[in-house]
Amino acid sequence: MLKLIEAMPPDVLGVEATGKVTHEDYRNILIPRAEAMMAKGPIKMLYVISSDFTGYELEALWDDSAFGLKHWHDFRRVAVVADQAWIRGLMTMFKPFIPCEVRLYKLADLAVAKTWIASA
C-alpha cells in the first residue's frame, strides 16, 4: 500500500510504502498526486519504505517503470529511505542513471532525509 505523507512542502511528494504495493496504489494515489504537482514544475520526492513492506505486485513494478520513464526529467531530487538491503542495492546500482540527485537514508535517519528533501 502507498500512503501519502502529509505536511510536506508544496514541491515535495512524500510517499510511504507499507505491506504490498499494488497497481491500484499507483493508479489512485501516486500518479494522480505526482502529475498534479508536476503540472507546476519539477518536484522533489521522499519515498519511505517501511519495515513492514513486503514487495510490489508485478503490475505495480510496471507502473513504477512506466511512470519513471515518462517523467524522467520531472524530478529535482529524490530521497529514498529504506533499511532493506535489496532496495538499497538496487538504488545504488541505478542511481548513476537517474538524472537528478538521489540520496539513500536508513529509516532511523528519516528526519535527516526530510530536512534534505525540503531544502532548496
PDB file of N, CA and C in Angstrom:
ATOM      1  N   MET A   1       0.834  -1.167   0.000  1.00  0.00           N
ATOM      2  CA  MET A   1       0.000   0.000   0.000  1.00  0.00           C
ATOM      3  C   MET A   1       0.885   1.239   0.000  1.00  0.00           C
ATOM      4  N   LEU A   2       0.490   2.222  -0.765  1.00  0.00           N
ATOM      5  CA  LEU A   2       1.155   3.521  -0.757  1.00  0.00           C
ATOM      6  C   LEU A   2       0.296   4.503   0.009  1.00  0.00           C
ATOM      7  N   LYS A   3       0.947   5.259   0.887  1.00  0.00           N
ATOM      8  CA  LYS A   3       0.260   6.299   1.642  1.00  0.00           C
ATOM      9  C   LYS A   3       1.004   7.606   1.416  1.00  0.00           C
ATOM     10  N   LEU A   4       0.255   8.675   1.231  1.00  0.00           N
ATOM     11  CA  LEU A   4       0.869   9.990   1.095  1.00  0.00           C
ATOM     12  C   LEU A   4       1.321  10.471   2.470  1.00  0.00           C
ATOM     13  N   ILE A   5       2.480  11.090   2.507  1.00  0.00           N
ATOM     14  CA  ILE A   5       2.998  11.683   3.731  1.00  0.00           C
ATOM     15  C   ILE A   5       2.579  13.145   3.708  1.00  0.00           C
ATOM     16  N   GLU A   6       1.775  13.521   4.648  1.00  0.00           N
ATOM     17  CA  GLU A   6       1.253  14.890   4.705  1.00  0.00           C
ATOM     18  C   GLU A   6       2.282  15.817   5.355  1.00  0.00           C
ATOM     19  N   ALA A   7       1.970  17.089   5.379  1.00  0.00           N
ATOM     20  CA  ALA A   7       2.808  18.125   5.998  1.00  0.00           C
ATOM     21  C   ALA A   7       4.188  18.231   5.347  1.00  0.00           C
ATOM     22  N   MET A   8       4.207  18.107   4.026  1.00  0.00           N
ATOM     23  CA  MET A   8       5.436  18.293   3.269  1.00  0.00           C
ATOM     24  C   MET A   8       5.339  19.638   2.539  1.00  0.00           C
ATOM     25  N   PRO A   9       6.483  20.239   2.187  1.00  0.00           N
ATOM     26  CA  PRO A   9       6.433  21.474   1.390  1.00  0.00           C
ATOM     27  C   PRO A   9       5.677  21.236   0.074  1.00  0.00           C
ATOM     28  N   PRO A  10       5.157  22.289  -0.548  1.00  0.00           N
ATOM     29  CA  PRO A  10       4.325  22.128  -1.746  1.00  0.00           C
ATOM     30  C   PRO A  10       5.018  21.452  -2.929  1.00  0.00           C
ATOM     31  N   ASP A  11       6.355  21.520  -2.995  1.00  0.00           N
ATOM     32  CA  ASP A  11       7.065  20.898  -4.123  1.00  0.00           C
ATOM     33  C   ASP A  11       7.626  19.513  -3.775  1.00  0.00           C
ATOM     34  N   VAL A  12       7.224  18.963  -2.619  1.00  0.00           N
ATOM     35  CA  VAL A  12       7.720  17.649  -2.195  1.00  0.00           C
ATOM     36  C   VAL A  12       6.566  16.659  -2.136  1.00  0.00           C
ATOM     37  N   LEU A  13       6.709  15.580  -2.885  1.00  0.00           N
ATOM     38  CA  LEU A  13       5.769  14.474  -2.827  1.00  0.00           C
ATOM     39  C   LEU A  13       6.336  13.456  -1.849  1.00  0.00           C
ATOM     40  N   GLY A  14       5.642  13.261  -0.744  1.00  0.00           N
ATOM     41  CA  GLY A  14       6.061  12.273   0.244  1.00  0.00           C
ATOM     42  C   GLY A  14       5.179  11.046   0.148  1.00  0.00           C
ATOM     43  N   VAL A  15       5.809   9.874   0.019  1.00  0.00           N
ATOM     44  CA  VAL A  15       5.077   8.624  -0.131  1.00  0.00           C
ATOM     45  C   VAL A  15       5.716   7.578   0.770  1.00  0.00           C
ATOM     46  N   GLU A  16       4.859   6.784   1.429  1.00  0.00           N
ATOM     47  CA  GLU A  16       5.352   5.684   2.249  1.00  0.00           C
ATOM     48  C   GLU A  16       4.773   4.375   1.724  1.00  0.00           C
ATOM     49  N   ALA A  17       5.639   3.392   1.518  1.00  0.00           N
ATOM     50  CA  ALA A  17       5.231   2.062   1.075  1.00  0.00           C
ATOM     51  C   ALA A  17       5.173   1.140   2.288  1.00  0.00           C
ATOM     52  N   THR A  18       4.008   0.521   2.490  1.00  0.00           N
ATOM     53  CA  THR A  18       3.830  -0.453   3.559  1.00  0.00           C
ATOM     54  C   THR A  18       3.164  -1.688   2.972  1.00  0.00           C
ATOM     55  N   GLY A  19       3.387  -2.830   3.584  1.00  0.00           N
ATOM     56  CA  GLY A  19       2.749  -4.041   3.078  1.00  0.00           C
ATOM     57  C   GLY A  19       3.094  -4.277   1.620  1.00  0.00           C
ATOM     58  N   LYS A  20       2.109  -4.682   0.831  1.00  0.00           N
ATOM     59  CA  LYS A  20       2.306  -4.919  -0.602  1.00  0.00           C
ATOM     60  C   LYS A  20       1.798  -3.720  -1.385  1.00  0.00           C
ATOM     61  N   VAL A  21       2.629  -3.209  -2.303  1.00  0.00           N
ATOM     62  CA  VAL A  21       2.259  -2.085  -3.160  1.00  0.00           C
ATOM     63  C   VAL A  21       1.583  -2.637  -4.411  1.00  0.00           C
ATOM     64  N   THR A  22       0.425  -2.064  -4.749  1.00  0.00           N
ATOM     65  CA  THR A  22      -0.393  -2.585  -5.844  1.00  0.00           C
ATOM     66  C   THR A  22      -0.501  -1.603  -7.012  1.00  0.00           C
ATOM     67  N   HIS A  23      -1.008  -2.113  -8.108  1.00  0.00           N
ATOM     68  CA  HIS A  23      -1.310  -1.297  -9.289  1.00  0.00           C
ATOM     69  C   HIS A  23      -2.287  -0.176  -8.915  1.00  0.00           C
ATOM     70  N   GLU A  24      -3.285  -0.503  -8.101  1.00  0.00           N
ATOM     71  CA  GLU A  24      -4.268   0.491  -7.683  1.00  0.00           C
ATOM     72  C   GLU A  24      -3.610   1.614  -6.884  1.00  0.00           C
ATOM     73  N   ASP A  25      -2.590   1.290  -6.090  1.00  0.00           N
ATOM     74  CA  ASP A  25      -1.869   2.326  -5.337  1.00  0.00           C
ATOM     75  C   ASP A  25      -1.256   3.349  -6.289  1.00  0.00           C
ATOM     76  N   TYR A  26      -0.652   2.858  -7.370  1.00  0.00           N
ATOM     77  CA  TYR A  26      -0.059   3.776  -8.348  1.00  0.00           C
ATOM     78  C   TYR A  26      -1.147   4.561  -9.068  1.00  0.00           C
ATOM     79  N   ARG A  27      -2.179   3.858  -9.533  1.00  0.00           N
ATOM     80  CA  ARG A  27      -3.224   4.485 -10.327  1.00  0.00           C
ATOM     81  C   ARG A  27      -4.073   5.475  -9.527  1.00  0.00           C
ATOM     82  N   ASN A  28      -4.314   5.182  -8.263  1.00  0.00           N
ATOM     83  CA  ASN A  28      -5.230   6.002  -7.474  1.00  0.00           C
ATOM     84  C   ASN A  28      -4.549   6.965  -6.509  1.00  0.00           C
ATOM     85  N   ILE A  29      -3.276   6.735  -6.191  1.00  0.00           N
ATOM     86  CA  ILE A  29      -2.612   7.564  -5.184  1.00  0.00           C
ATOM     87  C   ILE A  29      -1.405   8.292  -5.770  1.00  0.00           C
ATOM     88  N   LEU A  30      -0.384   7.560  -6.153  1.00  0.00           N
ATOM     89  CA  LEU A  30       0.884   8.181  -6.532  1.00  0.00           C
ATOM     90  C   LEU A  30       0.794   8.976  -7.830  1.00  0.00           C
ATOM     91  N   ILE A  31       0.327   8.358  -8.888  1.00  0.00           N
ATOM     92  CA  ILE A  31       0.345   9.018 -10.199  1.00  0.00           C
ATOM     93  C   ILE A  31      -0.518  10.287 -10.227  1.00  0.00           C
ATOM     94  N   PRO A  32      -1.763  10.251  -9.737  1.00  0.00           N
ATOM     95  CA  PRO A  32      -2.546  11.499  -9.778  1.00  0.00           C
ATOM     96  C   PRO A  32      -1.900  12.638  -8.991  1.00  0.00           C
ATOM     97  N   ARG A  33      -1.398  12.344  -7.798  1.00  0.00           N
ATOM     98  CA  ARG A  33      -0.785  13.404  -6.977  1.00  0.00           C
ATOM     99  C   ARG A  33       0.490  13.914  -7.645  1.00  0.00           C
ATOM    100  N   ALA A  34       1.335  13.000  -8.109  1.00  0.00           N
ATOM    101  CA  ALA A  34       2.601  13.408  -8.726  1.00  0.00           C
ATOM    102  C   ALA A  34       2.352  14.249  -9.979  1.00  0.00           C
ATOM    103  N   GLU A  35       1.451  13.805 -10.845  1.00  0.00           N
ATOM    104  CA  GLU A  35       1.216  14.542 -12.084  1.00  0.00           C
ATOM    105  C   GLU A  35       0.568  15.901 -11.819  1.00  0.00           C
ATOM    106  N   ALA A  36      -0.269  16.004 -10.800  1.00  0.00           N
ATOM    107  CA  ALA A  36      -0.841  17.302 -10.443  1.00  0.00           C
ATOM    108  C   ALA A  36       0.260  18.248  -9.973  1.00  0.00           C
ATOM    109  N   MET A  37       1.193  17.727  -9.188  1.00  0.00           N
ATOM    110  CA  MET A  37       2.299  18.554  -8.719  1.00  0.00           C
ATOM    111  C   MET A  37       3.241  18.911  -9.861  1.00  0.00           C
ATOM    112  N   MET A  38       3.506  17.962 -10.754  1.00  0.00           N
ATOM    113  CA  MET A  38       4.427  18.175 -11.870  1.00  0.00           C
ATOM    114  C   MET A  38       3.881  19.178 -12.881  1.00  0.00           C
ATOM    115  N   ALA A  39       2.585  19.370 -12.895  1.00  0.00           N
ATOM    116  CA  ALA A  39       1.989  20.361 -13.797  1.00  0.00           C
ATOM    117  C   ALA A  39       2.498  21.757 -13.465  1.00  0.00           C
ATOM    118  N   LYS A  40       2.995  21.949 -12.234  1.00  0.00           N
ATOM    119  CA  LYS A  40       3.520  23.244 -11.803  1.00  0.00           C
ATOM    120  C   LYS A  40       5.039  23.325 -11.953  1.00  0.00           C
ATOM    121  N   GLY A  41       5.680  22.209 -12.329  1.00  0.00           N
ATOM    122  CA  GLY A  41       7.129  22.187 -12.494  1.00  0.00           C
ATOM    123  C   GLY A  41       7.730  20.958 -11.832  1.00  0.00           C
ATOM    124  N   PRO A  42       9.047  20.782 -11.964  1.00  0.00           N
ATOM    125  CA  PRO A  42       9.713  19.611 -11.369  1.00  0.00           C
ATOM    126  C   PRO A  42       9.492  19.551  -9.856  1.00  0.00           C
ATOM    127  N   ILE A  43       9.447  18.342  -9.344  1.00  0.00           N
ATOM    128  CA  ILE A  43       9.187  18.126  -7.924  1.00  0.00           C
ATOM    129  C   ILE A  43      10.337  17.374  -7.258  1.00  0.00           C
ATOM    130  N   LYS A  44      10.273  17.354  -5.946  1.00  0.00           N
ATOM    131  CA  LYS A  44      11.175  16.534  -5.142  1.00  0.00           C
ATOM    132  C   LYS A  44      10.328  15.423  -4.538  1.00  0.00           C
ATOM    133  N   MET A  45      10.945  14.251  -4.316  1.00  0.00           N
ATOM    134  CA  MET A  45      10.186  13.119  -3.801  1.00  0.00           C
ATOM    135  C   MET A  45      10.892  12.476  -2.625  1.00  0.00           C
ATOM    136  N   LEU A  46      10.123  12.240  -1.589  1.00  0.00           N
ATOM    137  CA  LEU A  46      10.571  11.479  -0.431  1.00  0.00           C
ATOM    138  C   LEU A  46       9.841  10.154  -0.494  1.00  0.00           C
ATOM    139  N   TYR A  47      10.594   9.062  -0.649  1.00  0.00           N
ATOM    140  CA  TYR A  47       9.990   7.733  -0.773  1.00  0.00           C
ATOM    141  C   TYR A  47      10.473   6.892   0.394  1.00  0.00           C
ATOM    142  N   VAL A  48       9.568   6.610   1.324  1.00  0.00           N
ATOM    143  CA  VAL A  48       9.890   5.865   2.533  1.00  0.00           C
ATOM    144  C   VAL A  48       9.363   4.438   2.385  1.00  0.00           C
ATOM    145  N   ILE A  49      10.244   3.481   2.576  1.00  0.00           N
ATOM    146  CA  ILE A  49       9.853   2.074   2.505  1.00  0.00           C
ATOM    147  C   ILE A  49       9.910   1.527   3.929  1.00  0.00           C
ATOM    148  N   SER A  50       8.740   1.336   4.509  1.00  0.00           N
ATOM    149  CA  SER A  50       8.654   0.965   5.915  1.00  0.00           C
ATOM    150  C   SER A  50       9.179  -0.446   6.166  1.00  0.00           C
ATOM    151  N   SER A  51       9.389  -0.737   7.421  1.00  0.00           N
ATOM    152  CA  SER A  51       9.934  -2.049   7.795  1.00  0.00           C
ATOM    153  C   SER A  51       8.953  -3.179   7.522  1.00  0.00           C
ATOM    154  N   ASP A  52       7.646  -2.883   7.406  1.00  0.00           N
ATOM    155  CA  ASP A  52       6.674  -3.936   7.119  1.00  0.00           C
ATOM    156  C   ASP A  52       6.352  -4.072   5.624  1.00  0.00           C
ATOM    157  N   PHE A  53       7.119  -3.409   4.776  1.00  0.00           N
ATOM    158  CA  PHE A  53       6.959  -3.514   3.327  1.00  0.00           C
ATOM    159  C   PHE A  53       7.253  -4.955   2.900  1.00  0.00           C
ATOM    160  N   THR A  54       6.357  -5.531   2.087  1.00  0.00           N
ATOM    161  CA  THR A  54       6.540  -6.923   1.646  1.00  0.00           C
ATOM    162  C   THR A  54       6.819  -7.063   0.160  1.00  0.00           C
ATOM    163  N   GLY A  55       6.684  -5.982  -0.611  1.00  0.00           N
ATOM    164  CA  GLY A  55       7.016  -6.061  -2.026  1.00  0.00           C
ATOM    165  C   GLY A  55       5.992  -5.376  -2.915  1.00  0.00           C
ATOM    166  N   TYR A  56       6.193  -5.559  -4.221  1.00  0.00           N
ATOM    167  CA  TYR A  56       5.347  -4.952  -5.240  1.00  0.00           C
ATOM    168  C   TYR A  56       4.619  -6.030  -6.029  1.00  0.00           C
ATOM    169  N   GLU A  57       3.383  -5.759  -6.390  1.00  0.00           N
ATOM    170  CA  GLU A  57       2.725  -6.588  -7.388  1.00  0.00           C
ATOM    171  C   GLU A  57       3.457  -6.368  -8.709  1.00  0.00           C
ATOM    172  N   LEU A  58       3.446  -7.355  -9.584  1.00  0.00           N
ATOM    173  CA  LEU A  58       4.125  -7.238 -10.868  1.00  0.00           C
ATOM    174  C   LEU A  58       3.623  -6.028 -11.648  1.00  0.00           C
ATOM    175  N   GLU A  59       2.331  -5.816 -11.658  1.00  0.00           N
ATOM    176  CA  GLU A  59       1.772  -4.676 -12.388  1.00  0.00           C
ATOM    177  C   GLU A  59       2.216  -3.346 -11.769  1.00  0.00           C
ATOM    178  N   ALA A  60       2.425  -3.318 -10.458  1.00  0.00           N
ATOM    179  CA  ALA A  60       2.906  -2.103  -9.796  1.00  0.00           C
ATOM    180  C   ALA A  60       4.346  -1.804 -10.211  1.00  0.00           C
ATOM    181  N   LEU A  61       5.156  -2.841 -10.388  1.00  0.00           N
ATOM    182  CA  LEU A  61       6.519  -2.629 -10.880  1.00  0.00           C
ATOM    183  C   LEU A  61       6.495  -2.026 -12.274  1.00  0.00           C
ATOM    184  N   TRP A  62       5.593  -2.514 -13.109  1.00  0.00           N
ATOM    185  CA  TRP A  62       5.441  -1.956 -14.449  1.00  0.00           C
ATOM    186  C   TRP A  62       5.024  -0.485 -14.366  1.00  0.00           C
ATOM    187  N   ASP A  63       4.041  -0.202 -13.494  1.00  0.00           N
ATOM    188  CA  ASP A  63       3.581   1.183 -13.316  1.00  0.00           C
ATOM    189  C   ASP A  63       4.739   2.084 -12.897  1.00  0.00           C
ATOM    190  N   ASP A  64       5.563   1.603 -11.973  1.00  0.00           N
ATOM    191  CA  ASP A  64       6.693   2.389 -11.484  1.00  0.00           C
ATOM    192  C   ASP A  64       7.668   2.691 -12.615  1.00  0.00           C
ATOM    193  N   SER A  65       7.978   1.675 -13.401  1.00  0.00           N
ATOM    194  CA  SER A  65       8.915   1.861 -14.513  1.00  0.00           C
ATOM    195  C   SER A  65       8.350   2.809 -15.567  1.00  0.00           C
ATOM    196  N   ALA A  66       7.106   2.596 -15.959  1.00  0.00           N
ATOM    197  CA  ALA A  66       6.491   3.444 -16.995  1.00  0.00           C
ATOM    198  C   ALA A  66       6.382   4.890 -16.516  1.00  0.00           C
ATOM    199  N   PHE A  67       5.977   5.082 -15.272  1.00  0.00           N
ATOM    200  CA  PHE A  67       5.859   6.427 -14.725  1.00  0.00           C
ATOM    201  C   PHE A  67       7.224   7.098 -14.658  1.00  0.00           C
ATOM    202  N   GLY A  68       8.226   6.369 -14.191  1.00  0.00           N
ATOM    203  CA  GLY A  68       9.579   6.912 -14.089  1.00  0.00           C
ATOM    204  C   GLY A  68      10.140   7.328 -15.436  1.00  0.00           C
ATOM    205  N   LEU A  69       9.920   6.519 -16.457  1.00  0.00           N
ATOM    206  CA  LEU A  69      10.411   6.863 -17.797  1.00  0.00           C
ATOM    207  C   LEU A  69       9.667   8.067 -18.382  1.00  0.00           C
ATOM    208  N   LYS A  70       8.366   8.101 -18.175  1.00  0.00           N
ATOM    209  CA  LYS A  70       7.560   9.203 -18.700  1.00  0.00           C
ATOM    210  C   LYS A  70       7.962  10.534 -18.063  1.00  0.00           C
ATOM    211  N   HIS A  71       8.305  10.492 -16.794  1.00  0.00           N
ATOM    212  CA  HIS A  71       8.606  11.719 -16.042  1.00  0.00           C
ATOM    213  C   HIS A  71      10.081  11.792 -15.644  1.00  0.00           C
ATOM    214  N   TRP A  72      10.925  11.237 -16.456  1.00  0.00           N
ATOM    215  CA  TRP A  72      12.363  11.130 -16.183  1.00  0.00           C
ATOM    216  C   TRP A  72      12.985  12.440 -15.722  1.00  0.00           C
ATOM    217  N   HIS A  73      12.570  13.538 -16.343  1.00  0.00           N
ATOM    218  CA  HIS A  73      13.177  14.846 -16.042  1.00  0.00           C
ATOM    219  C   HIS A  73      12.271  15.745 -15.190  1.00  0.00           C
ATOM    220  N   ASP A  74      11.257  15.184 -14.587  1.00  0.00           N
ATOM    221  CA  ASP A  74      10.332  15.972 -13.779  1.00  0.00           C
ATOM    222  C   ASP A  74      10.636  15.916 -12.282  1.00  0.00           C
ATOM    223  N   PHE A  75      11.775  15.311 -11.938  1.00  0.00           N
ATOM    224  CA  PHE A  75      12.186  15.239 -10.543  1.00  0.00           C
ATOM    225  C   PHE A  75      13.455  16.067 -10.351  1.00  0.00           C
ATOM    226  N   ARG A  76      13.486  16.882  -9.292  1.00  0.00           N
ATOM    227  CA  ARG A  76      14.693  17.655  -8.963  1.00  0.00           C
ATOM    228  C   ARG A  76      15.571  16.910  -7.974  1.00  0.00           C
ATOM    229  N   ARG A  77      14.956  16.203  -7.056  1.00  0.00           N
ATOM    230  CA  ARG A  77      15.670  15.434  -6.032  1.00  0.00           C
ATOM    231  C   ARG A  77      14.804  14.262  -5.618  1.00  0.00           C
ATOM    232  N   VAL A  78      15.458  13.183  -5.209  1.00  0.00           N
ATOM    233  CA  VAL A  78      14.738  12.033  -4.666  1.00  0.00           C
ATOM    234  C   VAL A  78      15.500  11.545  -3.441  1.00  0.00           C
ATOM    235  N   ALA A  79      14.765  11.371  -2.352  1.00  0.00           N
ATOM    236  CA  ALA A  79      15.315  10.765  -1.139  1.00  0.00           C
ATOM    237  C   ALA A  79      14.599   9.443  -0.937  1.00  0.00           C
ATOM    238  N   VAL A  80      15.352   8.364  -0.877  1.00  0.00           N
ATOM    239  CA  VAL A  80      14.802   7.035  -0.623  1.00  0.00           C
ATOM    240  C   VAL A  80      15.230   6.628   0.780  1.00  0.00           C
ATOM    241  N   VAL A  81      14.248   6.291   1.586  1.00  0.00           N
ATOM    242  CA  VAL A  81      14.502   5.913   2.972  1.00  0.00           C
ATOM    243  C   VAL A  81      14.099   4.451   3.125  1.00  0.00           C
ATOM    244  N   ALA A  82      15.089   3.597   3.347  1.00  0.00           N
ATOM    245  CA  ALA A  82      14.813   2.159   3.431  1.00  0.00           C
ATOM    246  C   ALA A  82      15.939   1.443   4.166  1.00  0.00           C
ATOM    247  N   ASP A  83      15.568   0.389   4.870  1.00  0.00           N
ATOM    248  CA  ASP A  83      16.559  -0.461   5.523  1.00  0.00           C
ATOM    249  C   ASP A  83      16.796  -1.766   4.762  1.00  0.00           C
ATOM    250  N   GLN A  84      15.906  -2.114   3.839  1.00  0.00           N
ATOM    251  CA  GLN A  84      16.018  -3.372   3.107  1.00  0.00           C
ATOM    252  C   GLN A  84      17.258  -3.349   2.200  1.00  0.00           C
ATOM    253  N   ALA A  85      18.122  -4.329   2.384  1.00  0.00           N
ATOM    254  CA  ALA A  85      19.388  -4.377   1.634  1.00  0.00           C
ATOM    255  C   ALA A  85      19.150  -4.450   0.130  1.00  0.00           C
ATOM    256  N   TRP A  86      18.152  -5.196  -0.313  1.00  0.00           N
ATOM    257  CA  TRP A  86      17.934  -5.353  -1.748  1.00  0.00           C
ATOM    258  C   TRP A  86      17.471  -4.039  -2.383  1.00  0.00           C
ATOM    259  N   ILE A  87      16.684  -3.260  -1.675  1.00  0.00           N
ATOM    260  CA  ILE A  87      16.245  -1.964  -2.205  1.00  0.00           C
ATOM    261  C   ILE A  87      17.419  -0.995  -2.248  1.00  0.00           C
ATOM    262  N   ARG A  88      18.188  -0.974  -1.191  1.00  0.00           N
ATOM    263  CA  ARG A  88      19.356  -0.094  -1.144  1.00  0.00           C
ATOM    264  C   ARG A  88      20.342  -0.481  -2.248  1.00  0.00           C
ATOM    265  N   GLY A  89      20.498  -1.771  -2.488  1.00  0.00           N
ATOM    266  CA  GLY A  89      21.385  -2.236  -3.555  1.00  0.00           C
ATOM    267  C   GLY A  89      20.899  -1.821  -4.936  1.00  0.00           C
ATOM    268  N   LEU A  90      19.601  -1.972  -5.182  1.00  0.00           N
ATOM    269  CA  LEU A  90      19.041  -1.550  -6.476  1.00  0.00           C
ATOM    270  C   LEU A  90      19.193  -0.050  -6.683  1.00  0.00           C
ATOM    271  N   MET A  91      18.904   0.725  -5.641  1.00  0.00           N
ATOM    272  CA  MET A  91      19.036   2.181  -5.761  1.00  0.00           C
ATOM    273  C   MET A  91      20.491   2.577  -6.014  1.00  0.00           C
ATOM    274  N   THR A  92      21.408   1.933  -5.352  1.00  0.00           N
ATOM    275  CA  THR A  92      22.829   2.227  -5.564  1.00  0.00           C
ATOM    276  C   THR A  92      23.228   1.907  -6.998  1.00  0.00           C
ATOM    277  N   MET A  93      22.700   0.795  -7.524  1.00  0.00           N
ATOM    278  CA  MET A  93      23.033   0.376  -8.881  1.00  0.00           C
ATOM    279  C   MET A  93      22.462   1.344  -9.934  1.00  0.00           C
ATOM    280  N   PHE A  94      21.223   1.800  -9.742  1.00  0.00           N
ATOM    281  CA  PHE A  94      20.568   2.651 -10.742  1.00  0.00           C
ATOM    282  C   PHE A  94      20.801   4.146 -10.543  1.00  0.00           C
ATOM    283  N   LYS A  95      21.286   4.527  -9.384  1.00  0.00           N
ATOM    284  CA  LYS A  95      21.492   5.937  -9.053  1.00  0.00           C
ATOM    285  C   LYS A  95      22.294   6.719 -10.115  1.00  0.00           C
ATOM    286  N   PRO A  96      23.370   6.155 -10.669  1.00  0.00           N
ATOM    287  CA  PRO A  96      24.135   6.912 -11.670  1.00  0.00           C
ATOM    288  C   PRO A  96      23.352   7.225 -12.953  1.00  0.00           C
ATOM    289  N   PHE A  97      22.268   6.514 -13.190  1.00  0.00           N
ATOM    290  CA  PHE A  97      21.496   6.702 -14.421  1.00  0.00           C
ATOM    291  C   PHE A  97      20.303   7.629 -14.227  1.00  0.00           C
ATOM    292  N   ILE A  98      20.041   8.022 -13.005  1.00  0.00           N
ATOM    293  CA  ILE A  98      18.907   8.892 -12.711  1.00  0.00           C
ATOM    294  C   ILE A  98      19.375  10.344 -12.854  1.00  0.00           C
ATOM    295  N   PRO A  99      18.652  11.149 -13.653  1.00  0.00           N
ATOM    296  CA  PRO A  99      19.150  12.490 -13.989  1.00  0.00           C
ATOM    297  C   PRO A  99      19.019  13.549 -12.887  1.00  0.00           C
ATOM    298  N   CYS A 100      18.573  13.173 -11.711  1.00  0.00           N
ATOM    299  CA  CYS A 100      18.515  14.138 -10.613  1.00  0.00           C
ATOM    300  C   CYS A 100      19.322  13.585  -9.436  1.00  0.00           C
ATOM    301  N   GLU A 101      19.509  14.430  -8.439  1.00  0.00           N
ATOM    302  CA  GLU A 101      20.252  13.998  -7.262  1.00  0.00           C
ATOM    303  C   GLU A 101      19.394  13.020  -6.453  1.00  0.00           C
ATOM    304  N   VAL A 102      19.989  11.887  -6.098  1.00  0.00           N
ATOM    305  CA  VAL A 102      19.312  10.856  -5.317  1.00  0.00           C
ATOM    306  C   VAL A 102      20.171  10.550  -4.104  1.00  0.00           C
ATOM    307  N   ARG A 103      19.518  10.508  -2.951  1.00  0.00           N
ATOM    308  CA  ARG A 103      20.224  10.122  -1.725  1.00  0.00           C
ATOM    309  C   ARG A 103      19.464   8.999  -1.033  1.00  0.00           C
ATOM    310  N   LEU A 104      20.238   8.102  -0.441  1.00  0.00           N
ATOM    311  CA  LEU A 104      19.682   6.979   0.321  1.00  0.00           C
ATOM    312  C   LEU A 104      19.844   7.237   1.811  1.00  0.00           C
ATOM    313  N   TYR A 105      18.813   6.892   2.554  1.00  0.00           N
ATOM    314  CA  TYR A 105      18.837   7.043   4.005  1.00  0.00           C
ATOM    315  C   TYR A 105      18.282   5.782   4.649  1.00  0.00           C
ATOM    316  N   LYS A 106      18.687   5.532   5.864  1.00  0.00           N
ATOM    317  CA  LYS A 106      18.110   4.464   6.685  1.00  0.00           C
ATOM    318  C   LYS A 106      16.852   5.016   7.352  1.00  0.00           C
ATOM    319  N   LEU A 107      15.960   4.120   7.781  1.00  0.00           N
ATOM    320  CA  LEU A 107      14.743   4.563   8.451  1.00  0.00           C
ATOM    321  C   LEU A 107      15.048   5.394   9.696  1.00  0.00           C
ATOM    322  N   ALA A 108      16.115   5.078  10.390  1.00  0.00           N
ATOM    323  CA  ALA A 108      16.496   5.843  11.579  1.00  0.00           C
ATOM    324  C   ALA A 108      16.863   7.286  11.228  1.00  0.00           C
ATOM    325  N   ASP A 109      17.164   7.552   9.960  1.00  0.00           N
ATOM    326  CA  ASP A 109      17.565   8.886   9.512  1.00  0.00           C
ATOM    327  C   ASP A 109      16.453   9.608   8.744  1.00  0.00           C
ATOM    328  N   LEU A 110      15.207   9.228   8.983  1.00  0.00           N
ATOM    329  CA  LEU A 110      14.082   9.827   8.273  1.00  0.00           C
ATOM    330  C   LEU A 110      14.036  11.342   8.462  1.00  0.00           C
ATOM    331  N   ALA A 111      14.293  11.819   9.655  1.00  0.00           N
ATOM    332  CA  ALA A 111      14.261  13.267   9.898  1.00  0.00           C
ATOM    333  C   ALA A 111      15.314  13.984   9.061  1.00  0.00           C
ATOM    334  N   VAL A 112      16.494  13.385   8.924  1.00  0.00           N
ATOM    335  CA  VAL A 112      17.560  13.968   8.107  1.00  0.00           C
ATOM    336  C   VAL A 112      17.126  13.985   6.640  1.00  0.00           C
ATOM    337  N   ALA A 113      16.502  12.909   6.183  1.00  0.00           N
ATOM    338  CA  ALA A 113      16.021  12.841   4.802  1.00  0.00           C
ATOM    339  C   ALA A 113      14.963  13.919   4.532  1.00  0.00           C
ATOM    340  N   LYS A 114      14.059  14.115   5.485  1.00  0.00           N
ATOM    341  CA  LYS A 114      13.034  15.145   5.313  1.00  0.00           C
ATOM    342  C   LYS A 114      13.651  16.536   5.239  1.00  0.00           C
ATOM    343  N   THR A 115      14.661  16.782   6.046  1.00  0.00           N
ATOM    344  CA  THR A 115      15.348  18.071   6.012  1.00  0.00           C
ATOM    345  C   THR A 115      16.023  18.283   4.672  1.00  0.00           C
ATOM    346  N   TRP A 116      16.718  17.261   4.177  1.00  0.00           N
ATOM    347  CA  TRP A 116      17.433  17.388   2.905  1.00  0.00           C
ATOM    348  C   TRP A 116      16.452  17.591   1.744  1.00  0.00           C
ATOM    349  N   ILE A 117      15.390  16.797   1.689  1.00  0.00           N
ATOM    350  CA  ILE A 117      14.475  16.886   0.559  1.00  0.00           C
ATOM    351  C   ILE A 117      13.732  18.213   0.549  1.00  0.00           C
ATOM    352  N   ALA A 118      13.508  18.800   1.699  1.00  0.00           N
ATOM    353  CA  ALA A 118      12.799  20.079   1.779  1.00  0.00           C
ATOM    354  C   ALA A 118      13.697  21.276   1.471  1.00  0.00           C
ATOM    355  N   SER A 119      15.018  21.073   1.518  1.00  0.00           N
ATOM    356  CA  SER A 119      15.928  22.194   1.272  1.00  0.00           C
ATOM    357  C   SER A 119      15.954  22.554  -0.214  1.00  0.00           C
ATOM    358  N   ALA A 120      16.432  23.756  -0.499  1.00  0.00           N
ATOM    359  CA  ALA A 120      16.419  24.282  -1.880  1.00  0.00           C
ATOM    360  C   ALA A 120      17.354  23.515  -2.790  1.00  0.00           C
TER     361      ALA A 120
END
